[in-house]
Amino acid sequence: MTIAEAPAAEANGVDLADLKFAGNLGDSLRASEIAWLPSFPATASDEELRHELETKGVVHIWGVMPREYVMDTRGK
């Protein structure tokens, strides 16, 4: 499953069915293969984070890195 990071898009009322994504090989992804990625605070327990990683294969943790660093990295 491909995961889309949600907070900004979700806040603007974006529906996943309206988004177009492609895989690394240029193949299109179906809406059923895309889901919002829940965010976990930096204070989340190890057990919560491990469970998310084991079940979804990815974890989004907010508040760990300074925002300026993240935005600068995204800009590059």
C-alpha atoms as a PDB file:
ATOM      1  CA  MET A   1       0.000   0.000   0.000  1.00  0.00           C
ATOM      2  CA  THR A   2       1.216   3.477  -0.803  1.00  0.00           C
ATOM      3  CA  ILE A   3       0.647   5.991   1.945  1.00  0.00           C
ATOM      4  CA  ALA A   4      -0.038   9.703   1.407  1.00  0.00           C
ATOM      5  CA  GLU A   5       0.855  12.120   4.170  1.00  0.00           C
ATOM      6  CA  ALA A   6      -2.401  13.708   5.217  1.00  0.00           C
ATOM      7  CA  PRO A   7      -2.489  16.680   7.566  1.00  0.00           C
ATOM      8  CA  ALA A   8      -2.239  19.595   5.079  1.00  0.00           C
ATOM      9  CA  ALA A   9      -4.321  17.967   2.350  1.00  0.00           C
ATOM     10  CA  GLU A  10      -6.933  16.614   4.749  1.00  0.00           C
ATOM     11  CA  ALA A  11      -7.345  20.051   6.317  1.00  0.00           C
ATOM     12  CA  ASN A  12      -8.145  21.450   2.874  1.00  0.00           C
ATOM     13  CA  GLY A  13     -10.835  18.847   2.226  1.00  0.00           C
ATOM     14  CA  VAL A  14      -8.888  16.886  -0.401  1.00  0.00           C
ATOM     15  CA  ASP A  15     -10.460  13.537  -1.272  1.00  0.00           C
ATOM     16  CA  LEU A  16      -7.988  10.717  -1.971  1.00  0.00           C
ATOM     17  CA  ALA A  17     -10.093   9.642  -4.951  1.00  0.00           C
ATOM     18  CA  ASP A  18      -9.271  12.993  -6.604  1.00  0.00           C
ATOM     19  CA  LEU A  19      -5.492  12.528  -6.295  1.00  0.00           C
ATOM     20  CA  LYS A  20      -3.337  10.846  -8.929  1.00  0.00           C
ATOM     21  CA  PHE A  21      -0.256   8.875  -7.857  1.00  0.00           C
ATOM     22  CA  ALA A  22       2.195   6.749  -9.793  1.00  0.00           C
ATOM     23  CA  GLY A  23       4.480   3.994  -8.567  1.00  0.00           C
ATOM     24  CA  ASN A  24       8.237   3.914  -9.033  1.00  0.00           C
ATOM     25  CA  LEU A  25       7.796   2.030 -12.303  1.00  0.00           C
ATOM     26  CA  GLY A  26       5.364   4.607 -13.704  1.00  0.00           C
ATOM     27  CA  ASP A  27       2.306   2.479 -13.031  1.00  0.00           C
ATOM     28  CA  SER A  28      -0.838   4.187 -11.716  1.00  0.00           C
ATOM     29  CA  LEU A  29      -2.082   3.475  -8.227  1.00  0.00           C
ATOM     30  CA  ARG A  30      -5.740   2.726  -7.511  1.00  0.00           C
ATOM     31  CA  ALA A  31      -7.579   4.690  -4.812  1.00  0.00           C
ATOM     32  CA  SER A  32      -7.813   1.448  -2.795  1.00  0.00           C
ATOM     33  CA  GLU A  33      -3.997   1.411  -2.605  1.00  0.00           C
ATOM     34  CA  ILE A  34      -3.791   4.892  -1.059  1.00  0.00           C
ATOM     35  CA  ALA A  35      -4.604   5.874   2.524  1.00  0.00           C
ATOM     36  CA  TRP A  36      -4.060   8.823   4.850  1.00  0.00           C
ATOM     37  CA  LEU A  37      -0.992   8.384   7.023  1.00  0.00           C
ATOM     38  CA  PRO A  38      -1.833   8.948  10.697  1.00  0.00           C
ATOM     39  CA  SER A  39       0.603  11.134  12.604  1.00  0.00           C
ATOM     40  CA  PHE A  40       1.998  10.115  15.964  1.00  0.00           C
ATOM     41  CA  PRO A  41       3.416  12.598  18.483  1.00  0.00           C
ATOM     42  CA  ALA A  42       7.033  12.279  19.555  1.00  0.00           C
ATOM     43  CA  THR A  43       5.666  11.149  22.928  1.00  0.00           C
ATOM     44  CA  ALA A  44       3.971   8.036  21.466  1.00  0.00           C
ATOM     45  CA  SER A  45       4.929   4.783  23.138  1.00  0.00           C
ATOM     46  CA  ASP A  46       7.399   2.375  21.568  1.00  0.00           C
ATOM     47  CA  GLU A  47       4.615  -0.200  21.442  1.00  0.00           C
ATOM     48  CA  GLU A  48       2.339   2.107  19.403  1.00  0.00           C
ATOM     49  CA  LEU A  49       5.131   2.945  16.960  1.00  0.00           C
ATOM     50  CA  ARG A  50       6.219  -0.682  16.543  1.00  0.00           C
ATOM     51  CA  HIS A  51       2.635  -1.777  15.906  1.00  0.00           C
ATOM     52  CA  GLU A  52       2.164   0.905  13.250  1.00  0.00           C
ATOM     53  CA  LEU A  53       5.464   0.005  11.577  1.00  0.00           C
ATOM     54  CA  GLU A  54       4.685  -3.721  11.598  1.00  0.00           C
ATOM     55  CA  THR A  55       1.137  -3.311  10.264  1.00  0.00           C
ATOM     56  CA  LYS A  56       1.596  -0.425   7.803  1.00  0.00           C
ATOM     57  CA  GLY A  57       5.316  -0.517   7.048  1.00  0.00           C
ATOM     58  CA  VAL A  58       5.737   3.214   7.722  1.00  0.00           C
ATOM     59  CA  VAL A  59       5.411   5.605  10.666  1.00  0.00           C
ATOM     60  CA  HIS A  60       4.971   9.382  10.571  1.00  0.00           C
ATOM     61  CA  ILE A  61       6.157  10.997  13.821  1.00  0.00           C
ATOM     62  CA  TRP A  62       5.651  14.748  14.137  1.00  0.00           C
ATOM     63  CA  GLY A  63       7.556  17.047  16.436  1.00  0.00           C
ATOM     64  CA  VAL A  64      10.874  15.180  16.378  1.00  0.00           C
ATOM     65  CA  MET A  65      12.887  17.377  13.997  1.00  0.00           C
ATOM     66  CA  PRO A  66      12.835  21.174  13.936  1.00  0.00           C
ATOM     67  CA  ARG A  67      10.309  22.466  11.371  1.00  0.00           C
ATOM     68  CA  GLU A  68      12.964  24.663   9.702  1.00  0.00           C
ATOM     69  CA  TYR A  69      15.121  21.578   9.002  1.00  0.00           C
ATOM     70  CA  VAL A  70      12.176  19.663   7.520  1.00  0.00           C
ATOM     71  CA  MET A  71      11.065  22.562   5.314  1.00  0.00           C
ATOM     72  CA  ASP A  72      14.637  23.231   4.120  1.00  0.00           C
ATOM     73  CA  THR A  73      15.079  19.543   3.252  1.00  0.00           C
ATOM     74  CA  ARG A  74      11.777  19.472   1.370  1.00  0.00           C
ATOM     75  CA  GLY A  75      12.826  22.548  -0.563  1.00  0.00           C
ATOM     76  CA  LYS A  76      15.981  20.809  -1.785  1.00  0.00           C
END
